[in-house]
Each structure stands twice: as C-alpha cells, then as structure tokens.
Amino acid sequence: MALLEVKNLGISFGGLRAVDEVNLSIKKGQLFGLIGPNGAGKTTIFNLLTGVYQPTDGTILLDGVSIVGKSTAEISMAGIGRTFQNIRLFKNMSVLDNVKAALHNHEKYSLLAGIMRLPLYYSKERQMNKTAREILKVFDLDKEENYLASNLPYGKQRKLEIARALATRPKLLLLDEPAAGMNPNETAELMDTIRLIRDKFDITILLIEHDMKLVSGICEQILVLNFGTELANGTPEEVLNDPAVITAYLGE
C-alpha cells in the first residue's frame, strides 16, 4: 500500500481550475519529484495535502486513512511535515530554539504543566536539547546553534527550515523548492543532505523544484504538471523522453 495516495484531486477558486484530476501514489521511502512551470499548481497541491486548502473534489489518503477535512495541525500530527517557498523561521530565535520549537509543538508539550512538575520539565528539556542538536548535526548546523536564525547565510537558513520540519518526525516530508536561491555548490550539498535524511530517518520525501535536471538526478519518480493537470508521470528516464514533456516543458 502506498504511503500517500491521491486520486482525482481538484480545486477551483471561483472560475479558475487550479488543480484538475491529479493522481499521486508515493511508496514508503520513495523520493518523489513534482515539477512544472510557475502557476502549474505545485504549491497548491502542497497546500491541499497539508490542509491549508480543502479540495473541491478527490481523495487524499495517508497510510490508507483520509486526511481530507482535517486541520493543518491534525495533518502535521498524522505525519506530514513541510517547508515553504519563502523561508519561514523564527528569525529572532536561536538556531537551536527554532528546532526545539518544532519539537515542542509536535509533542504538544505544555510549558505550564512542565513548570508545575519541575523534575519532568528539566528532564524533558534535556532530551529536547539532545534531539535538536542531533538534528542540527545532520545539517552541519551544530556549530551555529546559538546564532540567531536571521544571522545565518541564506543557504543555511534553507537547511534550518528543513531541520525544523524534520523535528516534527514526519512520515512524509514535503519540500517546496528547497534549493531556491542557492548557488550550485549549495544545491549539490543540499541534495546530498536530502538523500541522507531519507535514508537515515526512513522518511518519504515529495520534492517541488523547477529544475528538471536537479529533480531527475535525485528523484525515483516524477510527476510533471502543466496548468494544474498531469503532463507526465513516471521514472526520470520515462519523463525526460516523454514527447509531451519535451514539447511543452523543455520547449523542444
């Protein structure tokens, strides 16, 4: 059974059909790419998967259970984490505290309850510090744990956002253009890190990017969108050799 099963997914905004009959089947442990030009509906699909929008029609199953109608918080707790096109960090908090905030949120941990039970509170804090540092080490951010998030270089802010999403312990991690704004060296390093976290933490990853070469080099399967509809769906080789993709996306 697929970890994520999306069938005939669609959403309309007034007279605009932003996503139309999109189908996704993502196996556990898979690295899946979602690609298409601006306005193709990629981020809209992420918003549908995470409960920001509710679909006009279609089904979304996570581990065989429908998540349609659930809130973003419920979907996060069910096991979907995400990053955003525009980096969303607590800029005035430390790198370490950004990751701890995600841990606190996922654990539904109450600071007030912790203060009322001080031994439990301090034990929990020590464990969260340890876990947050382990996650930061994966991204080579452990030496910057006390930096303000706003003081990190852009590429490391991107990494921190993924680290924070990872702290929610997702089954499925949605990465929305994680390499946006990075130079080629930063991009190559990030792709290596994405492969590492998939293997190390046994997390399924759905990745949005514009760069076909980048996506085909890292993903095992690719869905190509065009104006909210499926253009192609298959392995990188199948997609790159699909006449519809060559004509409409690659412009040949």
C-alpha atoms as a PDB file:
ATOM      1  CA  MET A   1       0.000   0.000   0.000  1.00  0.00           C
ATOM      2  CA  ALA A   2       1.240   3.490  -0.840  1.00  0.00           C
ATOM      3  CA  LEU A   3       2.079   5.865   1.991  1.00  0.00           C
ATOM      4  CA  LEU A   4       0.322   8.683   0.119  1.00  0.00           C
ATOM      5  CA  GLU A   5      -2.495   8.013  -2.321  1.00  0.00           C
ATOM      6  CA  VAL A   6      -4.093  10.951  -4.123  1.00  0.00           C
ATOM      7  CA  LYS A   7      -6.952  10.276  -6.526  1.00  0.00           C
ATOM      8  CA  ASN A   8      -8.618  12.732  -8.913  1.00  0.00           C
ATOM      9  CA  LEU A   9      -7.568  15.684  -6.759  1.00  0.00           C
ATOM     10  CA  GLY A  10      -9.006  19.020  -7.799  1.00  0.00           C
ATOM     11  CA  ILE A  11      -9.631  22.521  -6.512  1.00  0.00           C
ATOM     12  CA  SER A  12     -11.327  25.549  -8.028  1.00  0.00           C
ATOM     13  CA  PHE A  13     -11.016  29.165  -6.981  1.00  0.00           C
ATOM     14  CA  GLY A  14     -14.078  30.822  -8.445  1.00  0.00           C
ATOM     15  CA  GLY A  15     -13.895  30.143 -12.157  1.00  0.00           C
ATOM     16  CA  LEU A  16     -10.227  29.102 -12.039  1.00  0.00           C
ATOM     17  CA  ARG A  17      -9.483  25.380 -12.006  1.00  0.00           C
ATOM     18  CA  ALA A  18      -6.104  25.446 -10.246  1.00  0.00           C
ATOM     19  CA  VAL A  19      -5.669  21.661  -9.909  1.00  0.00           C
ATOM     20  CA  ASP A  20      -7.602  19.191 -12.037  1.00  0.00           C
ATOM     21  CA  GLU A  21      -7.770  15.407 -11.538  1.00  0.00           C
ATOM     22  CA  VAL A  22      -4.223  14.957 -10.268  1.00  0.00           C
ATOM     23  CA  ASN A  23      -3.196  11.479  -9.109  1.00  0.00           C
ATOM     24  CA  LEU A  24      -0.246  10.596  -6.891  1.00  0.00           C
ATOM     25  CA  SER A  25       0.883   7.279  -5.472  1.00  0.00           C
ATOM     26  CA  ILE A  26       4.003   7.532  -3.336  1.00  0.00           C
ATOM     27  CA  LYS A  27       5.541   4.470  -1.724  1.00  0.00           C
ATOM     28  CA  LYS A  28       7.134   4.476   1.708  1.00  0.00           C
ATOM     29  CA  GLY A  29      10.769   5.534   1.454  1.00  0.00           C
ATOM     30  CA  GLN A  30      10.396   6.997  -2.031  1.00  0.00           C
ATOM     31  CA  LEU A  31      11.923  10.261  -3.183  1.00  0.00           C
ATOM     32  CA  PHE A  32       9.268  11.713  -5.500  1.00  0.00           C
ATOM     33  CA  GLY A  33       9.551  14.870  -7.602  1.00  0.00           C
ATOM     34  CA  LEU A  34       6.804  17.317  -8.522  1.00  0.00           C
ATOM     35  CA  ILE A  35       7.838  19.681 -11.290  1.00  0.00           C
ATOM     36  CA  GLY A  36       6.284  22.271 -13.584  1.00  0.00           C
ATOM     37  CA  PRO A  37       6.448  25.952 -14.510  1.00  0.00           C
ATOM     38  CA  ASN A  38       5.145  28.778 -12.329  1.00  0.00           C
ATOM     39  CA  GLY A  39       1.391  28.533 -11.945  1.00  0.00           C
ATOM     40  CA  ALA A  40       1.335  24.785 -12.648  1.00  0.00           C
ATOM     41  CA  GLY A  41      -0.303  24.048  -9.283  1.00  0.00           C
ATOM     42  CA  LYS A  42       2.648  22.550  -7.396  1.00  0.00           C
ATOM     43  CA  THR A  43       2.385  24.596  -4.200  1.00  0.00           C
ATOM     44  CA  THR A  44      -1.414  24.412  -4.373  1.00  0.00           C
ATOM     45  CA  ILE A  45      -1.085  20.629  -4.162  1.00  0.00           C
ATOM     46  CA  PHE A  46       1.145  21.002  -1.087  1.00  0.00           C
ATOM     47  CA  ASN A  47      -1.491  23.267   0.449  1.00  0.00           C
ATOM     48  CA  LEU A  48      -4.147  20.635  -0.259  1.00  0.00           C
ATOM     49  CA  LEU A  49      -2.013  17.880   1.274  1.00  0.00           C
ATOM     50  CA  THR A  50      -1.430  19.898   4.444  1.00  0.00           C
ATOM     51  CA  GLY A  51      -4.969  21.188   4.970  1.00  0.00           C
ATOM     52  CA  VAL A  52      -4.318  24.822   4.094  1.00  0.00           C
ATOM     53  CA  TYR A  53      -6.938  24.326   1.363  1.00  0.00           C
ATOM     54  CA  GLN A  54      -9.676  21.726   1.186  1.00  0.00           C
ATOM     55  CA  PRO A  55     -10.151  20.045  -2.203  1.00  0.00           C
ATOM     56  CA  THR A  56     -13.182  20.711  -4.337  1.00  0.00           C
ATOM     57  CA  ASP A  57     -13.070  17.041  -5.253  1.00  0.00           C
ATOM     58  CA  GLY A  58     -10.874  13.957  -4.976  1.00  0.00           C
ATOM     59  CA  THR A  59      -9.378  11.960  -2.128  1.00  0.00           C
ATOM     60  CA  ILE A  60      -6.140  12.125  -0.129  1.00  0.00           C
ATOM     61  CA  LEU A  61      -5.129   9.040   1.854  1.00  0.00           C
ATOM     62  CA  LEU A  62      -2.156   8.904   4.234  1.00  0.00           C
ATOM     63  CA  ASP A  63      -1.409   5.335   5.269  1.00  0.00           C
ATOM     64  CA  GLY A  64      -4.836   4.406   3.942  1.00  0.00           C
ATOM     65  CA  VAL A  65      -6.663   6.988   6.076  1.00  0.00           C
ATOM     66  CA  SER A  66      -8.404  10.026   4.584  1.00  0.00           C
ATOM     67  CA  ILE A  67      -6.994  13.382   5.678  1.00  0.00           C
ATOM     68  CA  VAL A  68      -9.484  15.474   3.709  1.00  0.00           C
ATOM     69  CA  GLY A  69     -11.272  17.869   6.060  1.00  0.00           C
ATOM     70  CA  LYS A  70      -8.568  17.702   8.724  1.00  0.00           C
ATOM     71  CA  SER A  71      -6.810  20.818  10.023  1.00  0.00           C
ATOM     72  CA  THR A  72      -3.165  21.614   9.350  1.00  0.00           C
ATOM     73  CA  ALA A  73      -2.335  20.704  12.960  1.00  0.00           C
ATOM     74  CA  GLU A  74      -4.105  17.353  12.679  1.00  0.00           C
ATOM     75  CA  ILE A  75      -2.324  16.568   9.423  1.00  0.00           C
ATOM     76  CA  SER A  76       1.033  17.500  10.959  1.00  0.00           C
ATOM     77  CA  MET A  77       0.360  15.148  13.863  1.00  0.00           C
ATOM     78  CA  ALA A  78      -0.708  12.438  11.381  1.00  0.00           C
ATOM     79  CA  GLY A  79       2.757  12.603   9.860  1.00  0.00           C
ATOM     80  CA  ILE A  80       3.133  15.247   7.142  1.00  0.00           C
ATOM     81  CA  GLY A  81       5.796  17.929   7.537  1.00  0.00           C
ATOM     82  CA  ARG A  82       6.666  20.670   5.083  1.00  0.00           C
ATOM     83  CA  THR A  83       8.845  23.614   4.128  1.00  0.00           C
ATOM     84  CA  PHE A  84       7.803  26.682   2.137  1.00  0.00           C
ATOM     85  CA  GLN A  85       8.949  28.594  -0.948  1.00  0.00           C
ATOM     86  CA  ASN A  86       9.532  31.634   1.242  1.00  0.00           C
ATOM     87  CA  ILE A  87      11.561  30.569   4.261  1.00  0.00           C
ATOM     88  CA  ARG A  88       9.539  30.619   7.475  1.00  0.00           C
ATOM     89  CA  LEU A  89      11.772  30.706  10.536  1.00  0.00           C
ATOM     90  CA  PHE A  90      11.598  32.367  13.921  1.00  0.00           C
ATOM     91  CA  LYS A  91      14.236  34.880  12.857  1.00  0.00           C
ATOM     92  CA  ASN A  92      14.791  36.342  16.337  1.00  0.00           C
ATOM     93  CA  MET A  93      15.261  32.954  17.972  1.00  0.00           C
ATOM     94  CA  SER A  94      18.429  30.877  18.024  1.00  0.00           C
ATOM     95  CA  VAL A  95      19.062  28.070  15.587  1.00  0.00           C
ATOM     96  CA  LEU A  96      18.683  25.545  18.407  1.00  0.00           C
ATOM     97  CA  ASP A  97      15.459  27.105  19.669  1.00  0.00           C
ATOM     98  CA  ASN A  98      13.945  27.011  16.175  1.00  0.00           C
ATOM     99  CA  VAL A  99      14.304  23.228  16.128  1.00  0.00           C
ATOM    100  CA  LYS A 100      13.172  22.900  19.748  1.00  0.00           C
ATOM    101  CA  ALA A 101      10.050  24.912  18.950  1.00  0.00           C
ATOM    102  CA  ALA A 102       9.107  22.294  16.356  1.00  0.00           C
ATOM    103  CA  LEU A 103       9.775  19.517  18.850  1.00  0.00           C
ATOM    104  CA  HIS A 104       7.638  21.244  21.486  1.00  0.00           C
ATOM    105  CA  ASN A 105       4.811  21.775  19.039  1.00  0.00           C
ATOM    106  CA  HIS A 106       4.824  18.189  17.832  1.00  0.00           C
ATOM    107  CA  GLU A 107       4.902  16.770  21.342  1.00  0.00           C
ATOM    108  CA  LYS A 108       2.011  19.050  22.320  1.00  0.00           C
ATOM    109  CA  TYR A 109       4.192  19.858  25.307  1.00  0.00           C
ATOM    110  CA  SER A 110       2.797  22.310  27.832  1.00  0.00           C
ATOM    111  CA  LEU A 111       5.293  24.689  29.410  1.00  0.00           C
ATOM    112  CA  LEU A 112       2.888  25.405  32.268  1.00  0.00           C
ATOM    113  CA  ALA A 113       2.464  21.700  33.005  1.00  0.00           C
ATOM    114  CA  GLY A 114       6.220  21.327  32.929  1.00  0.00           C
ATOM    115  CA  ILE A 115       6.776  24.132  35.420  1.00  0.00           C
ATOM    116  CA  MET A 116       4.285  22.530  37.787  1.00  0.00           C
ATOM    117  CA  ARG A 117       6.289  19.302  37.605  1.00  0.00           C
ATOM    118  CA  LEU A 118       9.850  20.631  37.604  1.00  0.00           C
ATOM    119  CA  PRO A 119      11.768  17.306  37.528  1.00  0.00           C
ATOM    120  CA  LEU A 120       9.772  16.199  34.480  1.00  0.00           C
ATOM    121  CA  TYR A 121      10.234  19.615  32.876  1.00  0.00           C
ATOM    122  CA  TYR A 122      14.018  19.627  33.231  1.00  0.00           C
ATOM    123  CA  SER A 123      14.280  16.019  32.048  1.00  0.00           C
ATOM    124  CA  LYS A 124      12.171  16.851  29.003  1.00  0.00           C
ATOM    125  CA  GLU A 125      14.242  19.945  28.240  1.00  0.00           C
ATOM    126  CA  ARG A 126      17.492  17.968  28.372  1.00  0.00           C
ATOM    127  CA  GLN A 127      16.092  15.378  25.980  1.00  0.00           C
ATOM    128  CA  MET A 128      14.818  18.054  23.584  1.00  0.00           C
ATOM    129  CA  ASN A 129      18.204  19.802  23.608  1.00  0.00           C
ATOM    130  CA  LYS A 130      19.865  16.489  22.780  1.00  0.00           C
ATOM    131  CA  THR A 131      17.427  15.648  19.981  1.00  0.00           C
ATOM    132  CA  ALA A 132      17.609  19.158  18.479  1.00  0.00           C
ATOM    133  CA  ARG A 133      21.422  19.024  18.457  1.00  0.00           C
ATOM    134  CA  GLU A 134      21.383  15.611  16.766  1.00  0.00           C
ATOM    135  CA  ILE A 135      19.155  17.000  14.014  1.00  0.00           C
ATOM    136  CA  LEU A 136      21.316  20.116  13.581  1.00  0.00           C
ATOM    137  CA  LYS A 137      24.407  17.936  13.229  1.00  0.00           C
ATOM    138  CA  VAL A 138      22.856  16.167  10.221  1.00  0.00           C
ATOM    139  CA  PHE A 139      22.653  19.571   8.507  1.00  0.00           C
ATOM    140  CA  ASP A 140      26.083  20.793   9.668  1.00  0.00           C
ATOM    141  CA  LEU A 141      24.385  23.466  11.766  1.00  0.00           C
ATOM    142  CA  ASP A 142      25.513  22.286  15.209  1.00  0.00           C
ATOM    143  CA  LYS A 143      28.300  24.858  15.446  1.00  0.00           C
ATOM    144  CA  GLU A 144      25.775  27.661  14.828  1.00  0.00           C
ATOM    145  CA  GLU A 145      23.217  26.513  17.406  1.00  0.00           C
ATOM    146  CA  ASN A 146      23.423  29.784  19.366  1.00  0.00           C
ATOM    147  CA  TYR A 147      23.274  32.063  16.318  1.00  0.00           C
ATOM    148  CA  LEU A 148      20.096  33.965  15.626  1.00  0.00           C
ATOM    149  CA  ALA A 149      18.341  32.354  12.670  1.00  0.00           C
ATOM    150  CA  SER A 150      18.371  35.748  10.919  1.00  0.00           C
ATOM    151  CA  ASN A 151      22.185  35.813  11.066  1.00  0.00           C
ATOM    152  CA  LEU A 152      22.636  32.585   9.117  1.00  0.00           C
ATOM    153  CA  PRO A 153      23.589  32.775   5.431  1.00  0.00           C
ATOM    154  CA  TYR A 154      20.678  32.142   3.089  1.00  0.00           C
ATOM    155  CA  GLY A 155      21.687  28.570   2.243  1.00  0.00           C
ATOM    156  CA  LYS A 156      21.893  27.642   5.915  1.00  0.00           C
ATOM    157  CA  GLN A 157      18.507  29.217   6.596  1.00  0.00           C
ATOM    158  CA  ARG A 158      17.121  26.847   3.959  1.00  0.00           C
ATOM    159  CA  LYS A 159      18.774  23.940   5.752  1.00  0.00           C
ATOM    160  CA  LEU A 160      17.422  25.093   9.117  1.00  0.00           C
ATOM    161  CA  GLU A 161      13.884  25.145   7.765  1.00  0.00           C
ATOM    162  CA  ILE A 162      14.257  21.532   6.635  1.00  0.00           C
ATOM    163  CA  ALA A 163      15.791  20.625  10.011  1.00  0.00           C
ATOM    164  CA  ARG A 164      12.802  22.161  11.760  1.00  0.00           C
ATOM    165  CA  ALA A 165      10.379  20.241   9.542  1.00  0.00           C
ATOM    166  CA  LEU A 166      12.331  17.063  10.296  1.00  0.00           C
ATOM    167  CA  ALA A 167      11.887  17.718  14.028  1.00  0.00           C
ATOM    168  CA  THR A 168       8.150  17.070  13.664  1.00  0.00           C
ATOM    169  CA  ARG A 169       9.059  13.439  12.877  1.00  0.00           C
ATOM    170  CA  PRO A 170       7.105  13.227   9.632  1.00  0.00           C
ATOM    171  CA  LYS A 171       6.340  10.080   7.691  1.00  0.00           C
ATOM    172  CA  LEU A 172       6.131  12.276   4.608  1.00  0.00           C
ATOM    173  CA  LEU A 173       8.260  15.400   4.175  1.00  0.00           C
ATOM    174  CA  LEU A 174       7.146  17.996   1.622  1.00  0.00           C
ATOM    175  CA  LEU A 175       9.968  20.226   0.383  1.00  0.00           C
ATOM    176  CA  ASP A 176       8.822  23.279  -1.570  1.00  0.00           C
ATOM    177  CA  GLU A 177      11.708  24.427  -3.775  1.00  0.00           C
ATOM    178  CA  PRO A 178      14.386  23.814  -1.119  1.00  0.00           C
ATOM    179  CA  ALA A 179      17.195  24.802  -3.497  1.00  0.00           C
ATOM    180  CA  ALA A 180      15.638  28.146  -4.482  1.00  0.00           C
ATOM    181  CA  GLY A 181      18.219  30.925  -4.359  1.00  0.00           C
ATOM    182  CA  MET A 182      21.150  28.583  -3.722  1.00  0.00           C
ATOM    183  CA  ASN A 183      24.352  28.535  -5.711  1.00  0.00           C
ATOM    184  CA  PRO A 184      25.399  25.289  -7.487  1.00  0.00           C
ATOM    185  CA  ASN A 185      27.679  24.144  -4.638  1.00  0.00           C
ATOM    186  CA  GLU A 186      24.984  24.761  -2.016  1.00  0.00           C
ATOM    187  CA  THR A 187      22.438  22.955  -4.187  1.00  0.00           C
ATOM    188  CA  ALA A 188      24.664  19.887  -4.621  1.00  0.00           C
ATOM    189  CA  GLU A 189      25.322  19.772  -0.886  1.00  0.00           C
ATOM    190  CA  LEU A 190      21.612  20.105  -0.124  1.00  0.00           C
ATOM    191  CA  MET A 191      20.699  17.267  -2.495  1.00  0.00           C
ATOM    192  CA  ASP A 192      23.215  15.025  -0.719  1.00  0.00           C
ATOM    193  CA  THR A 193      21.636  16.013   2.602  1.00  0.00           C
ATOM    194  CA  ILE A 194      18.132  15.218   1.318  1.00  0.00           C
ATOM    195  CA  ARG A 195      19.261  11.740   0.287  1.00  0.00           C
ATOM    196  CA  LEU A 196      20.913  11.323   3.695  1.00  0.00           C
ATOM    197  CA  ILE A 197      17.826  12.233   5.711  1.00  0.00           C
ATOM    198  CA  ARG A 198      15.657   9.952   3.557  1.00  0.00           C
ATOM    199  CA  ASP A 199      17.998   7.033   4.281  1.00  0.00           C
ATOM    200  CA  LYS A 200      18.946   7.875   7.881  1.00  0.00           C
ATOM    201  CA  PHE A 201      15.445   8.692   9.134  1.00  0.00           C
ATOM    202  CA  ASP A 202      13.461   6.445   6.759  1.00  0.00           C
ATOM    203  CA  ILE A 203      11.346   9.382   5.612  1.00  0.00           C
ATOM    204  CA  THR A 204       9.393   9.582   2.376  1.00  0.00           C
ATOM    205  CA  ILE A 205      10.035  12.847   0.510  1.00  0.00           C
ATOM    206  CA  LEU A 206       7.938  14.762  -2.016  1.00  0.00           C
ATOM    207  CA  LEU A 207      10.028  17.486  -3.614  1.00  0.00           C
ATOM    208  CA  ILE A 208       8.960  20.520  -5.654  1.00  0.00           C
ATOM    209  CA  GLU A 209      11.524  22.098  -7.942  1.00  0.00           C
ATOM    210  CA  HIS A 210      11.702  23.977 -11.256  1.00  0.00           C
ATOM    211  CA  ASP A 211      14.990  22.420 -12.356  1.00  0.00           C
ATOM    212  CA  MET A 212      14.302  19.232 -14.332  1.00  0.00           C
ATOM    213  CA  LYS A 213      17.974  18.220 -14.242  1.00  0.00           C
ATOM    214  CA  LEU A 214      18.096  18.575 -10.461  1.00  0.00           C
ATOM    215  CA  VAL A 215      14.874  16.613  -9.917  1.00  0.00           C
ATOM    216  CA  SER A 216      15.776  13.845 -12.365  1.00  0.00           C
ATOM    217  CA  GLY A 217      19.145  13.461 -10.631  1.00  0.00           C
ATOM    218  CA  ILE A 218      17.685  12.818  -7.187  1.00  0.00           C
ATOM    219  CA  CYS A 219      14.112  11.515  -7.556  1.00  0.00           C
ATOM    220  CA  GLU A 220      12.977   7.985  -8.360  1.00  0.00           C
ATOM    221  CA  GLN A 221       9.675   9.117  -9.836  1.00  0.00           C
ATOM    222  CA  ILE A 222       8.469  12.439 -11.229  1.00  0.00           C
ATOM    223  CA  LEU A 223       5.068  13.985 -11.837  1.00  0.00           C
ATOM    224  CA  VAL A 224       5.121  16.854 -14.336  1.00  0.00           C
ATOM    225  CA  LEU A 225       2.310  19.415 -14.073  1.00  0.00           C
ATOM    226  CA  ASN A 226       1.125  21.965 -16.601  1.00  0.00           C
ATOM    227  CA  PHE A 227      -1.719  24.383 -15.832  1.00  0.00           C
ATOM    228  CA  GLY A 228      -2.892  22.202 -12.935  1.00  0.00           C
ATOM    229  CA  THR A 229      -3.098  18.969 -14.906  1.00  0.00           C
ATOM    230  CA  GLU A 230      -0.825  15.965 -15.259  1.00  0.00           C
ATOM    231  CA  LEU A 231       1.526  16.144 -18.211  1.00  0.00           C
ATOM    232  CA  ALA A 232       3.593  13.051 -17.397  1.00  0.00           C
ATOM    233  CA  ASN A 233       4.195  10.645 -14.530  1.00  0.00           C
ATOM    234  CA  GLY A 234       6.973   8.068 -14.371  1.00  0.00           C
ATOM    235  CA  THR A 235      10.645   7.426 -13.788  1.00  0.00           C
ATOM    236  CA  PRO A 236      13.110  10.215 -14.677  1.00  0.00           C
ATOM    237  CA  GLU A 237      14.024   8.393 -17.891  1.00  0.00           C
ATOM    238  CA  GLU A 238      10.376   7.971 -18.886  1.00  0.00           C
ATOM    239  CA  VAL A 239       9.566  11.596 -18.153  1.00  0.00           C
ATOM    240  CA  LEU A 240      12.615  13.020 -19.920  1.00  0.00           C
ATOM    241  CA  ASN A 241      11.746  11.042 -23.037  1.00  0.00           C
ATOM    242  CA  ASP A 242       8.034  11.806 -22.982  1.00  0.00           C
ATOM    243  CA  PRO A 243       7.106  13.777 -26.139  1.00  0.00           C
ATOM    244  CA  ALA A 244       4.571  15.885 -24.203  1.00  0.00           C
ATOM    245  CA  VAL A 245       7.273  16.962 -21.729  1.00  0.00           C
ATOM    246  CA  ILE A 246       9.800  17.654 -24.465  1.00  0.00           C
ATOM    247  CA  THR A 247       7.296  19.818 -26.339  1.00  0.00           C
ATOM    248  CA  ALA A 248       5.547  21.654 -23.511  1.00  0.00           C
ATOM    249  CA  TYR A 249       8.123  21.776 -20.733  1.00  0.00           C
ATOM    250  CA  LEU A 250      11.550  21.553 -22.335  1.00  0.00           C
ATOM    251  CA  GLY A 251      10.397  23.684 -25.243  1.00  0.00           C
ATOM    252  CA  GLU A 252      11.812  21.486 -27.967  1.00  0.00           C
END
